[in-house]
Amino acid sequence: MSNQTIDTDAALELASLLCSRLCHDLLSPVGALSNGLELLTEEKDPAMRQRCFELLEQSARTSADKLKFFRLAFGAAGGFGESIPTAEPKALIDALVAGKDRLTIHWQVGADALPKPAVKTLLNLSLIAIEALVRGGTVDIAAEVRADGGRQLAEIVVRAAGPRIAFDDTIGQALEARLPASELSSRTAPAAMLAAIATRLGGQLQYARSDDALVMGAVLPVG
């Protein structure tokens, strides 16, 4: 009974941290919407009003794109089956980096569809990679489903390469399930969630970093 209580407490804490992360990432575009509406009520110049409308449209699009991304990356993603077309996560990642001219995404996914846990893993590893490239760079995303004896394995590799890699060691520890629960934060919660998914499926996560590259990989049994 005590182990069940501990597991429940840990799950609730992780859910709370993921919610905090979601709110943090949405605060800026939603705040811009509020500010834009306030300016619009006061502005009389037609040209400035048009500019306000453009900013409102941009903020609304950014908010919607992030909500769609986090719905699949963090949430249950209702409406999808157990297998998700790979065009879906590709579109979400492309939208996430839209306007970031210093970032280039290379997509090398051979499968037409991936299991939902693999897609969640791919999205979150991609998010970590994108955020690691504070000065721009390239993100290579690869995934496939292959046979291994009598079972199927989903393999995912995400590589970030750039002039400076911003990657906190605690994120790596969370990916490998080595970060104590007491040290979890909204920043490390997505990595901890991936570790929990891998553990439940009997899979594995790993990473390696250098001054100009970060490579993260996952092997997850299918079915």
Protein backbone atom coordinates (compact mmCIF):
# COMPACT_ATOMS: atom_id res chain seq x y z
CA MET A 1 0.00 0.00 0.00
CA SER A 2 2.84 2.40 0.84
CA ASN A 3 4.50 1.81 -2.56
CA GLN A 4 1.20 2.53 -4.29
CA THR A 5 0.89 5.78 -2.32
CA ILE A 6 4.43 6.81 -3.25
CA ASP A 7 3.81 6.03 -6.93
CA THR A 8 0.57 8.00 -6.86
CA ASP A 9 2.24 10.98 -5.21
CA ALA A 10 5.05 10.89 -7.79
CA ALA A 11 2.56 10.71 -10.66
CA LEU A 12 0.60 13.65 -9.30
CA GLU A 13 3.77 15.69 -8.88
CA LEU A 14 4.89 14.89 -12.41
CA ALA A 15 1.48 15.86 -13.80
CA SER A 16 1.65 19.15 -11.88
CA LEU A 17 5.12 19.92 -13.25
CA LEU A 18 4.04 19.15 -16.80
CA CYS A 19 1.09 21.53 -16.36
CA SER A 20 3.49 24.18 -15.08
CA ARG A 21 5.70 23.67 -18.12
CA LEU A 22 2.70 23.99 -20.45
CA CYS A 23 1.54 27.20 -18.76
CA HIS A 24 5.06 28.65 -18.87
CA ASP A 25 5.39 28.06 -22.61
CA LEU A 26 1.94 29.47 -23.37
CA LEU A 27 2.27 32.53 -21.15
CA SER A 28 4.16 34.62 -23.70
CA PRO A 29 1.89 34.19 -26.77
CA VAL A 30 -1.30 34.41 -24.70
CA GLY A 31 0.03 37.50 -22.94
CA ALA A 32 0.80 39.04 -26.32
CA LEU A 33 -2.82 38.43 -27.34
CA SER A 34 -4.06 40.29 -24.26
CA ASN A 35 -1.65 43.19 -24.83
CA GLY A 36 -2.57 43.38 -28.50
CA LEU A 37 -6.28 43.58 -27.75
CA GLU A 38 -5.64 46.34 -25.22
CA LEU A 39 -3.62 48.33 -27.74
CA LEU A 40 -6.27 47.80 -30.39
CA THR A 41 -8.98 49.43 -28.24
CA GLU A 42 -6.82 52.54 -27.81
CA GLU A 43 -5.24 52.85 -31.25
CA LYS A 44 -6.94 55.04 -33.85
CA ASP A 45 -4.33 55.15 -36.61
CA PRO A 46 -5.38 52.72 -39.42
CA ALA A 47 -1.82 51.60 -40.13
CA MET A 48 -1.13 50.87 -36.47
CA ARG A 49 -4.44 49.07 -36.10
CA GLN A 50 -3.51 46.87 -39.05
CA ARG A 51 -0.18 46.12 -37.37
CA CYS A 52 -2.06 45.19 -34.18
CA PHE A 53 -4.22 42.77 -36.14
CA GLU A 54 -1.11 41.16 -37.64
CA LEU A 55 0.45 40.74 -34.20
CA LEU A 56 -2.78 39.29 -32.83
CA GLU A 57 -2.92 36.80 -35.69
CA GLN A 58 0.70 35.79 -35.09
CA SER A 59 0.16 35.33 -31.35
CA ALA A 60 -3.02 33.33 -31.91
CA ARG A 61 -1.24 31.05 -34.39
CA THR A 62 1.70 30.54 -32.02
CA SER A 63 -0.66 29.70 -29.14
CA ALA A 64 -2.61 27.22 -31.26
CA ASP A 65 0.59 25.57 -32.57
CA LYS A 66 1.97 25.12 -29.07
CA LEU A 67 -1.32 23.72 -27.77
CA LYS A 68 -1.41 21.18 -30.60
CA PHE A 69 2.21 20.22 -29.91
CA PHE A 70 1.76 19.76 -26.17
CA ARG A 71 -1.54 17.95 -26.63
CA LEU A 72 0.34 15.14 -28.32
CA ALA A 73 3.69 15.52 -26.53
CA PHE A 74 2.27 15.62 -22.96
CA GLY A 75 -1.38 14.61 -23.17
CA ALA A 76 -3.48 11.58 -23.99
CA ALA A 77 -3.99 12.88 -27.55
CA GLY A 78 -7.57 11.72 -27.85
CA GLY A 79 -8.75 11.25 -31.40
CA PHE A 80 -5.65 9.33 -32.39
CA GLY A 81 -5.41 5.56 -32.41
CA GLU A 82 -2.50 3.53 -31.12
CA SER A 83 -0.60 4.37 -34.30
CA ILE A 84 -0.09 7.96 -35.50
CA PRO A 85 0.88 9.05 -39.04
CA THR A 86 4.40 10.50 -38.98
CA ALA A 87 3.16 13.51 -40.95
CA GLU A 88 1.45 14.66 -37.71
CA PRO A 89 4.56 15.10 -35.50
CA LYS A 90 6.48 16.52 -38.48
CA ALA A 91 3.85 19.24 -38.93
CA LEU A 92 3.88 20.00 -35.20
CA ILE A 93 7.67 20.35 -35.10
CA ASP A 94 7.74 22.47 -38.26
CA ALA A 95 5.16 24.80 -36.71
CA LEU A 96 7.14 24.98 -33.47
CA VAL A 97 10.26 26.28 -35.24
CA ALA A 98 8.43 28.50 -37.74
CA GLY A 99 10.15 31.88 -37.82
CA LYS A 100 13.34 30.59 -36.20
CA ASP A 101 15.64 31.30 -39.13
CA ARG A 102 18.75 29.99 -37.37
CA LEU A 103 17.26 26.52 -36.90
CA THR A 104 17.16 23.84 -39.59
CA ILE A 105 15.22 20.58 -39.19
CA HIS A 106 16.22 17.45 -41.10
CA TRP A 107 13.54 14.75 -41.06
CA GLN A 108 14.59 11.17 -41.75
CA VAL A 109 11.64 8.99 -40.78
CA GLY A 110 11.06 5.94 -42.95
CA ALA A 111 7.84 4.70 -41.34
CA ASP A 112 4.47 6.05 -42.44
CA ALA A 113 3.19 5.74 -38.86
CA LEU A 114 4.61 5.24 -35.37
CA PRO A 115 3.11 3.97 -32.10
CA LYS A 116 1.79 6.74 -29.86
CA PRO A 117 4.54 6.30 -27.18
CA ALA A 118 7.18 6.59 -29.89
CA VAL A 119 5.60 9.78 -31.23
CA LYS A 120 5.46 11.30 -27.73
CA THR A 121 9.13 10.39 -27.28
CA LEU A 122 10.08 11.84 -30.66
CA LEU A 123 8.27 15.12 -29.94
CA ASN A 124 9.79 15.59 -26.49
CA LEU A 125 13.32 14.71 -27.58
CA SER A 126 12.93 17.15 -30.48
CA LEU A 127 11.78 19.86 -28.06
CA ILE A 128 14.83 19.27 -25.87
CA ALA A 129 17.06 19.44 -28.94
CA ILE A 130 15.48 22.66 -30.21
CA GLU A 131 15.83 24.35 -26.84
CA ALA A 132 19.47 23.25 -26.61
CA LEU A 133 20.35 25.28 -29.73
CA VAL A 134 20.26 28.75 -28.19
CA ARG A 135 22.48 30.12 -30.98
CA GLY A 136 20.87 28.16 -33.78
CA GLY A 137 21.96 25.01 -35.55
CA THR A 138 20.59 21.82 -37.03
CA VAL A 139 18.24 19.20 -35.61
CA ASP A 140 18.29 15.78 -37.24
CA ILE A 141 15.28 13.58 -36.43
CA ALA A 142 15.28 9.91 -37.41
CA ALA A 143 12.91 7.08 -36.56
CA GLU A 144 12.06 3.61 -37.77
CA VAL A 145 10.25 0.45 -36.72
CA ARG A 146 12.31 -2.71 -37.19
CA ALA A 147 11.99 -6.39 -36.41
CA ASP A 148 14.13 -7.84 -33.64
CA GLY A 149 13.59 -11.56 -33.37
CA GLY A 150 9.93 -12.06 -32.63
CA ARG A 151 9.16 -8.48 -31.67
CA GLN A 152 8.99 -5.01 -33.20
CA LEU A 153 11.10 -2.11 -31.94
CA ALA A 154 10.66 1.59 -32.53
CA GLU A 155 14.04 3.35 -32.69
CA ILE A 156 14.31 7.12 -32.43
CA VAL A 157 17.42 9.30 -32.71
CA VAL A 158 17.46 13.08 -32.35
CA ARG A 159 20.68 15.03 -32.84
CA ALA A 160 21.18 18.73 -32.17
CA ALA A 161 24.32 20.33 -33.61
CA GLY A 162 25.34 23.95 -33.22
CA PRO A 163 27.92 26.41 -31.90
CA ARG A 164 26.69 26.10 -28.33
CA ILE A 165 24.68 23.36 -26.66
CA ALA A 166 22.54 24.46 -23.70
CA PHE A 167 21.72 21.21 -21.96
CA ASP A 168 21.41 20.90 -18.21
CA ASP A 169 22.81 17.66 -16.81
CA THR A 170 19.63 17.23 -14.76
CA ILE A 171 17.70 16.72 -18.00
CA GLY A 172 20.07 13.90 -18.91
CA GLN A 173 19.70 12.39 -15.46
CA ALA A 174 15.91 12.55 -15.81
CA LEU A 175 16.09 10.85 -19.22
CA GLU A 176 18.02 7.98 -17.66
CA ALA A 177 15.73 7.86 -14.59
CA ARG A 178 18.61 8.88 -12.32
CA LEU A 179 17.22 12.21 -11.11
CA PRO A 180 15.72 12.03 -7.59
CA ALA A 181 12.01 12.85 -7.49
CA SER A 182 12.73 15.66 -5.03
CA GLU A 183 14.83 17.44 -7.70
CA LEU A 184 12.26 17.32 -10.49
CA SER A 185 11.21 20.64 -11.99
CA SER A 186 9.01 21.83 -14.83
CA ARG A 187 12.15 21.88 -16.98
CA THR A 188 13.05 18.24 -16.32
CA ALA A 189 9.49 16.87 -16.12
CA PRO A 190 9.19 16.02 -19.86
CA ALA A 191 12.41 13.97 -19.69
CA ALA A 192 11.15 12.21 -16.55
CA MET A 193 7.90 11.40 -18.34
CA LEU A 194 9.85 9.83 -21.22
CA ALA A 195 11.85 7.75 -18.75
CA ALA A 196 8.60 6.51 -17.19
CA ILE A 197 7.21 5.60 -20.62
CA ALA A 198 10.39 3.72 -21.55
CA THR A 199 10.41 1.85 -18.24
CA ARG A 200 6.76 0.84 -18.60
CA LEU A 201 7.37 -0.50 -22.09
CA GLY A 202 10.65 -2.21 -21.24
CA GLY A 203 12.57 0.19 -23.46
CA GLN A 204 15.64 2.36 -23.04
CA LEU A 205 16.69 6.00 -23.38
CA GLN A 206 20.22 7.33 -23.66
CA TYR A 207 22.07 10.49 -24.55
CA ALA A 208 25.55 11.84 -25.27
CA ARG A 209 26.72 15.43 -25.52
CA SER A 210 29.77 17.43 -26.51
CA ASP A 211 30.46 21.15 -26.86
CA ASP A 212 28.73 21.32 -30.22
CA ALA A 213 26.38 18.34 -30.35
CA LEU A 214 23.71 16.54 -28.35
CA VAL A 215 22.50 13.08 -29.39
CA MET A 216 19.50 11.42 -27.75
CA GLY A 217 18.12 8.00 -28.57
CA ALA A 218 15.26 5.72 -27.61
CA VAL A 219 14.46 2.06 -28.25
CA LEU A 220 10.86 1.17 -27.42
CA PRO A 221 9.15 -2.22 -27.88
CA VAL A 222 6.00 -2.00 -30.00
CA GLY A 223 2.80 -3.63 -28.79
